[in-house]
Amino acid sequence: MHQVQQSGAGEGWSALWGKIHVPGLGPAFGTKLLYFAGYKNCVNGLRPLVLDANVRRPLNGPEAGLTAKIKNHRADYERYLHLAEAWYNDHSRNGSPEIVEFALFKPGKELAKAE
């Protein structure tokens, strides 16, 4: 995953769904690959976070206040990463934007149980 390490999460996303796409690989596992390949090693661009159904549910819920839903496109993934950085910075959290991902994951899992 050279692309994510050298150019950030957006380029990593494009690589996963471009020429090197593995049939059956979806955003949940793909973004996990990006995260583990590039979060600590990313030198340029946005650092990758996981975007699976459990994270997406609360992002697309009314509490998030987004005007457009987060889907499975590079622009949506990058928007989510920018939001995570902004939300992390707004709350002066100790740690990293991964905290935002985890904060979305837990309620998303609960919402899945209710569906």
N, C-alpha and C. Protein backbone atom coordinates (compact mmCIF):
# COMPACT_ATOMS: atom_id res chain seq x y z
N MET A 1 0.82 -1.19 0.00
CA MET A 1 0.00 0.00 0.00
C MET A 1 0.87 1.25 0.00
N HIS A 2 1.75 1.26 -0.93
CA HIS A 2 2.65 2.38 -1.10
C HIS A 2 1.90 3.71 -1.28
N GLN A 3 0.77 3.68 -1.99
CA GLN A 3 0.03 4.91 -2.28
C GLN A 3 -0.43 5.60 -1.01
N VAL A 4 -0.98 4.85 -0.06
CA VAL A 4 -1.48 5.46 1.17
C VAL A 4 -0.33 6.01 2.01
N GLN A 5 0.81 5.34 2.00
CA GLN A 5 1.94 5.80 2.79
C GLN A 5 2.57 7.06 2.21
N GLN A 6 2.61 7.16 0.89
CA GLN A 6 3.27 8.29 0.25
C GLN A 6 2.34 9.47 -0.04
N SER A 7 1.06 9.17 -0.31
CA SER A 7 0.17 10.24 -0.78
C SER A 7 -1.10 10.40 0.02
N GLY A 8 -1.33 9.57 1.01
CA GLY A 8 -2.49 9.72 1.86
C GLY A 8 -3.63 8.78 1.53
N ALA A 9 -4.66 8.88 2.34
CA ALA A 9 -5.79 7.95 2.29
C ALA A 9 -6.57 8.01 0.98
N GLY A 10 -6.73 9.19 0.41
CA GLY A 10 -7.48 9.31 -0.84
C GLY A 10 -6.82 8.52 -1.96
N GLU A 11 -5.51 8.64 -2.08
CA GLU A 11 -4.79 7.88 -3.11
C GLU A 11 -4.82 6.39 -2.81
N GLY A 12 -4.77 6.04 -1.54
CA GLY A 12 -4.89 4.64 -1.16
C GLY A 12 -6.25 4.08 -1.56
N TRP A 13 -7.32 4.87 -1.32
CA TRP A 13 -8.67 4.47 -1.73
C TRP A 13 -8.72 4.23 -3.23
N SER A 14 -8.19 5.17 -4.00
CA SER A 14 -8.20 5.03 -5.45
C SER A 14 -7.43 3.81 -5.91
N ALA A 15 -6.32 3.52 -5.24
CA ALA A 15 -5.53 2.34 -5.60
C ALA A 15 -6.33 1.06 -5.33
N LEU A 16 -7.01 1.01 -4.19
CA LEU A 16 -7.77 -0.20 -3.85
C LEU A 16 -8.90 -0.47 -4.83
N TRP A 17 -9.51 0.57 -5.36
CA TRP A 17 -10.63 0.38 -6.27
C TRP A 17 -10.26 0.70 -7.72
N GLY A 18 -8.96 0.74 -7.98
CA GLY A 18 -8.46 0.97 -9.34
C GLY A 18 -7.91 -0.31 -9.93
N LYS A 19 -6.73 -0.22 -10.49
CA LYS A 19 -6.10 -1.34 -11.19
C LYS A 19 -5.80 -2.53 -10.29
N ILE A 20 -5.57 -2.28 -9.00
CA ILE A 20 -5.21 -3.40 -8.11
C ILE A 20 -6.40 -3.92 -7.31
N HIS A 21 -7.61 -3.57 -7.72
CA HIS A 21 -8.81 -4.00 -6.98
C HIS A 21 -8.91 -5.52 -6.92
N VAL A 22 -9.23 -6.02 -5.75
CA VAL A 22 -9.47 -7.44 -5.54
C VAL A 22 -10.97 -7.65 -5.52
N PRO A 23 -11.51 -8.46 -6.43
CA PRO A 23 -12.96 -8.70 -6.43
C PRO A 23 -13.43 -9.18 -5.05
N GLY A 24 -14.54 -8.61 -4.61
CA GLY A 24 -15.10 -8.97 -3.31
C GLY A 24 -14.59 -8.10 -2.17
N LEU A 25 -13.55 -7.33 -2.41
CA LEU A 25 -13.01 -6.44 -1.38
C LEU A 25 -13.89 -5.21 -1.31
N GLY A 26 -14.49 -4.98 -0.17
CA GLY A 26 -15.37 -3.85 0.02
C GLY A 26 -14.73 -2.78 0.89
N PRO A 27 -15.46 -1.72 1.16
CA PRO A 27 -14.92 -0.61 1.94
C PRO A 27 -14.54 -0.98 3.37
N ALA A 28 -15.28 -1.87 3.99
CA ALA A 28 -14.97 -2.20 5.39
C ALA A 28 -13.56 -2.81 5.50
N PHE A 29 -13.31 -3.84 4.74
CA PHE A 29 -11.99 -4.47 4.81
C PHE A 29 -10.93 -3.61 4.13
N GLY A 30 -11.31 -2.97 3.01
CA GLY A 30 -10.36 -2.12 2.29
C GLY A 30 -9.84 -0.97 3.14
N THR A 31 -10.74 -0.30 3.88
CA THR A 31 -10.29 0.81 4.71
C THR A 31 -9.51 0.31 5.93
N LYS A 32 -9.77 -0.91 6.36
CA LYS A 32 -8.92 -1.50 7.41
C LYS A 32 -7.51 -1.71 6.89
N LEU A 33 -7.39 -2.19 5.65
CA LEU A 33 -6.06 -2.33 5.03
C LEU A 33 -5.36 -0.97 4.95
N LEU A 34 -6.09 0.04 4.51
CA LEU A 34 -5.50 1.38 4.42
C LEU A 34 -5.04 1.85 5.79
N TYR A 35 -5.88 1.63 6.79
CA TYR A 35 -5.54 2.07 8.15
C TYR A 35 -4.24 1.42 8.62
N PHE A 36 -4.16 0.10 8.53
CA PHE A 36 -2.98 -0.59 9.03
C PHE A 36 -1.75 -0.33 8.19
N ALA A 37 -1.92 -0.08 6.90
CA ALA A 37 -0.78 0.21 6.03
C ALA A 37 -0.28 1.65 6.18
N GLY A 38 -1.18 2.57 6.48
CA GLY A 38 -0.77 3.95 6.37
C GLY A 38 -0.97 4.87 7.54
N TYR A 39 -1.68 4.48 8.59
CA TYR A 39 -1.98 5.45 9.65
C TYR A 39 -0.71 6.00 10.29
N LYS A 40 0.19 5.13 10.66
CA LYS A 40 1.41 5.57 11.33
C LYS A 40 2.52 5.91 10.34
N ASN A 41 2.35 5.50 9.06
CA ASN A 41 3.40 5.67 8.07
C ASN A 41 3.08 6.69 6.99
N CYS A 42 1.95 7.37 7.09
CA CYS A 42 1.53 8.31 6.06
C CYS A 42 2.38 9.58 6.17
N VAL A 43 3.04 9.97 5.06
CA VAL A 43 3.90 11.14 5.11
C VAL A 43 3.23 12.37 4.49
N ASN A 44 2.24 12.18 3.64
CA ASN A 44 1.52 13.28 2.99
C ASN A 44 0.03 12.97 2.98
N GLY A 45 -0.78 13.99 2.94
CA GLY A 45 -2.21 13.77 2.79
C GLY A 45 -2.88 13.32 4.07
N LEU A 46 -4.14 12.94 3.92
CA LEU A 46 -4.95 12.51 5.06
C LEU A 46 -4.55 11.12 5.54
N ARG A 47 -4.56 10.93 6.85
CA ARG A 47 -4.32 9.60 7.41
C ARG A 47 -5.60 8.79 7.31
N PRO A 48 -5.48 7.51 6.98
CA PRO A 48 -6.67 6.67 6.81
C PRO A 48 -7.30 6.26 8.13
N LEU A 49 -8.61 6.15 8.11
CA LEU A 49 -9.39 5.57 9.20
C LEU A 49 -10.31 4.52 8.60
N VAL A 50 -10.85 3.67 9.45
CA VAL A 50 -11.78 2.63 8.99
C VAL A 50 -13.14 3.27 8.76
N LEU A 51 -13.75 2.90 7.64
CA LEU A 51 -15.12 3.33 7.35
C LEU A 51 -15.92 2.08 6.99
N ASP A 52 -16.55 1.52 8.00
CA ASP A 52 -17.42 0.35 7.78
C ASP A 52 -18.85 0.75 8.10
N ALA A 53 -19.75 -0.21 8.01
CA ALA A 53 -21.18 0.08 8.24
C ALA A 53 -21.42 0.62 9.64
N ASN A 54 -20.67 0.14 10.63
CA ASN A 54 -20.87 0.60 12.01
C ASN A 54 -20.46 2.06 12.19
N VAL A 55 -19.49 2.51 11.45
CA VAL A 55 -19.08 3.92 11.50
C VAL A 55 -20.03 4.77 10.66
N ARG A 56 -20.44 4.22 9.51
CA ARG A 56 -21.29 4.98 8.59
C ARG A 56 -22.68 5.26 9.15
N ARG A 57 -23.26 4.32 9.91
CA ARG A 57 -24.62 4.52 10.44
C ARG A 57 -24.76 5.83 11.20
N PRO A 58 -23.97 6.08 12.24
CA PRO A 58 -24.14 7.35 12.95
C PRO A 58 -23.72 8.56 12.12
N LEU A 59 -22.78 8.39 11.21
CA LEU A 59 -22.41 9.51 10.34
C LEU A 59 -23.59 9.96 9.49
N ASN A 60 -24.39 9.00 9.06
CA ASN A 60 -25.53 9.30 8.20
C ASN A 60 -26.82 9.55 8.98
N GLY A 61 -26.75 9.48 10.29
CA GLY A 61 -27.91 9.75 11.12
C GLY A 61 -28.11 11.24 11.32
N PRO A 62 -29.27 11.63 11.81
CA PRO A 62 -29.58 13.05 11.97
C PRO A 62 -28.67 13.77 12.97
N GLU A 63 -28.13 13.05 13.95
CA GLU A 63 -27.31 13.70 14.97
C GLU A 63 -26.02 14.27 14.40
N ALA A 64 -25.51 13.67 13.32
CA ALA A 64 -24.25 14.15 12.73
C ALA A 64 -24.43 15.49 12.02
N GLY A 65 -25.65 15.77 11.57
CA GLY A 65 -25.92 17.05 10.93
C GLY A 65 -25.36 17.21 9.53
N LEU A 66 -25.05 16.11 8.86
CA LEU A 66 -24.51 16.20 7.50
C LEU A 66 -25.64 16.39 6.50
N THR A 67 -25.38 17.19 5.49
CA THR A 67 -26.41 17.43 4.48
C THR A 67 -26.42 16.35 3.40
N ALA A 68 -25.32 15.65 3.23
CA ALA A 68 -25.24 14.57 2.24
C ALA A 68 -24.71 13.32 2.93
N LYS A 69 -25.26 12.18 2.57
CA LYS A 69 -24.86 10.92 3.18
C LYS A 69 -23.44 10.53 2.76
N ILE A 70 -22.75 9.84 3.66
CA ILE A 70 -21.45 9.27 3.38
C ILE A 70 -21.69 7.92 2.70
N LYS A 71 -21.19 7.78 1.48
CA LYS A 71 -21.35 6.54 0.71
C LYS A 71 -19.98 5.93 0.45
N ASN A 72 -19.90 5.07 -0.54
CA ASN A 72 -18.65 4.36 -0.83
C ASN A 72 -17.91 4.95 -2.02
N HIS A 73 -17.55 6.21 -1.91
CA HIS A 73 -16.79 6.88 -2.95
C HIS A 73 -15.59 7.57 -2.31
N ARG A 74 -14.57 7.79 -3.10
CA ARG A 74 -13.37 8.45 -2.56
C ARG A 74 -13.70 9.79 -1.92
N ALA A 75 -14.51 10.60 -2.58
CA ALA A 75 -14.85 11.92 -2.04
C ALA A 75 -15.56 11.80 -0.69
N ASP A 76 -16.42 10.80 -0.55
CA ASP A 76 -17.11 10.59 0.73
C ASP A 76 -16.12 10.16 1.81
N TYR A 77 -15.20 9.27 1.44
CA TYR A 77 -14.19 8.80 2.39
C TYR A 77 -13.32 9.98 2.86
N GLU A 78 -12.89 10.80 1.91
CA GLU A 78 -12.07 11.95 2.28
C GLU A 78 -12.86 12.95 3.13
N ARG A 79 -14.14 13.11 2.83
CA ARG A 79 -14.98 14.01 3.64
C ARG A 79 -15.07 13.49 5.07
N TYR A 80 -15.26 12.18 5.23
CA TYR A 80 -15.29 11.56 6.56
C TYR A 80 -13.97 11.81 7.29
N LEU A 81 -12.85 11.66 6.60
CA LEU A 81 -11.55 11.87 7.25
C LEU A 81 -11.37 13.32 7.67
N HIS A 82 -11.81 14.25 6.84
CA HIS A 82 -11.75 15.68 7.21
C HIS A 82 -12.65 15.95 8.42
N LEU A 83 -13.84 15.36 8.41
CA LEU A 83 -14.75 15.53 9.55
C LEU A 83 -14.14 14.98 10.83
N ALA A 84 -13.54 13.80 10.75
CA ALA A 84 -12.92 13.19 11.93
C ALA A 84 -11.82 14.09 12.47
N GLU A 85 -11.00 14.65 11.59
CA GLU A 85 -9.94 15.57 12.02
C GLU A 85 -10.55 16.81 12.68
N ALA A 86 -11.58 17.37 12.06
CA ALA A 86 -12.21 18.58 12.60
C ALA A 86 -12.87 18.30 13.94
N TRP A 87 -13.63 17.20 14.03
CA TRP A 87 -14.30 16.87 15.29
C TRP A 87 -13.29 16.58 16.38
N TYR A 88 -12.23 15.92 16.03
CA TYR A 88 -11.17 15.63 17.00
C TYR A 88 -10.56 16.94 17.50
N ASN A 89 -10.25 17.84 16.58
CA ASN A 89 -9.64 19.12 16.97
C ASN A 89 -10.60 20.01 17.73
N ASP A 90 -11.90 19.98 17.41
CA ASP A 90 -12.88 20.79 18.12
C ASP A 90 -13.02 20.39 19.58
N HIS A 91 -12.78 19.16 19.88
CA HIS A 91 -12.97 18.68 21.25
C HIS A 91 -11.67 18.54 22.02
N SER A 92 -10.56 18.98 21.44
CA SER A 92 -9.25 18.96 22.11
C SER A 92 -9.01 17.64 22.83
N ARG A 93 -9.22 16.57 22.13
CA ARG A 93 -9.04 15.23 22.71
C ARG A 93 -7.55 14.90 22.81
N ASN A 94 -7.23 14.10 23.79
CA ASN A 94 -5.89 13.53 23.85
C ASN A 94 -5.89 12.29 22.99
N GLY A 95 -4.87 12.12 22.19
CA GLY A 95 -4.78 10.94 21.34
C GLY A 95 -4.75 11.31 19.89
N SER A 96 -5.73 10.83 19.13
CA SER A 96 -5.72 11.05 17.68
C SER A 96 -7.14 10.94 17.13
N PRO A 97 -7.33 11.21 15.83
CA PRO A 97 -8.66 11.11 15.23
C PRO A 97 -9.25 9.70 15.30
N GLU A 98 -8.45 8.72 15.60
CA GLU A 98 -8.98 7.36 15.79
C GLU A 98 -10.07 7.35 16.86
N ILE A 99 -9.99 8.28 17.80
CA ILE A 99 -10.99 8.38 18.85
C ILE A 99 -12.37 8.65 18.26
N VAL A 100 -12.41 9.48 17.22
CA VAL A 100 -13.68 9.80 16.56
C VAL A 100 -14.24 8.54 15.90
N GLU A 101 -13.39 7.80 15.22
CA GLU A 101 -13.83 6.55 14.60
C GLU A 101 -14.44 5.61 15.65
N PHE A 102 -13.76 5.45 16.76
CA PHE A 102 -14.25 4.56 17.81
C PHE A 102 -15.56 5.09 18.40
N ALA A 103 -15.64 6.41 18.56
CA ALA A 103 -16.87 7.01 19.10
C ALA A 103 -18.05 6.79 18.17
N LEU A 104 -17.82 6.69 16.87
CA LEU A 104 -18.89 6.41 15.91
C LEU A 104 -19.20 4.92 15.85
N PHE A 105 -18.18 4.09 15.99
CA PHE A 105 -18.33 2.64 15.85
C PHE A 105 -19.29 2.06 16.90
N LYS A 106 -19.10 2.44 18.15
CA LYS A 106 -19.92 1.85 19.22
C LYS A 106 -21.41 2.11 19.03
N PRO A 107 -21.86 3.36 18.83
CA PRO A 107 -23.30 3.55 18.61
C PRO A 107 -23.78 2.94 17.30
N GLY A 108 -22.90 2.88 16.30
CA GLY A 108 -23.27 2.26 15.03
C GLY A 108 -23.56 0.78 15.19
N LYS A 109 -22.80 0.14 16.05
CA LYS A 109 -23.03 -1.28 16.34
C LYS A 109 -24.37 -1.46 17.05
N GLU A 110 -24.67 -0.56 17.97
CA GLU A 110 -25.96 -0.62 18.68
C GLU A 110 -27.13 -0.37 17.73
N LEU A 111 -26.95 0.57 16.80
CA LEU A 111 -28.00 0.84 15.81
C LEU A 111 -28.25 -0.39 14.93
N ALA A 112 -27.19 -1.13 14.63
CA ALA A 112 -27.33 -2.34 13.81
C ALA A 112 -28.17 -3.38 14.53
N LYS A 113 -28.01 -3.49 15.83
CA LYS A 113 -28.79 -4.44 16.62
C LYS A 113 -30.28 -4.09 16.58
N ALA A 114 -30.56 -2.78 16.53
CA ALA A 114 -31.94 -2.32 16.55
C ALA A 114 -32.65 -2.46 15.20
N GLU A 115 -31.89 -2.63 14.14
CA GLU A 115 -32.49 -2.70 12.80
C GLU A 115 -33.19 -4.02 12.56
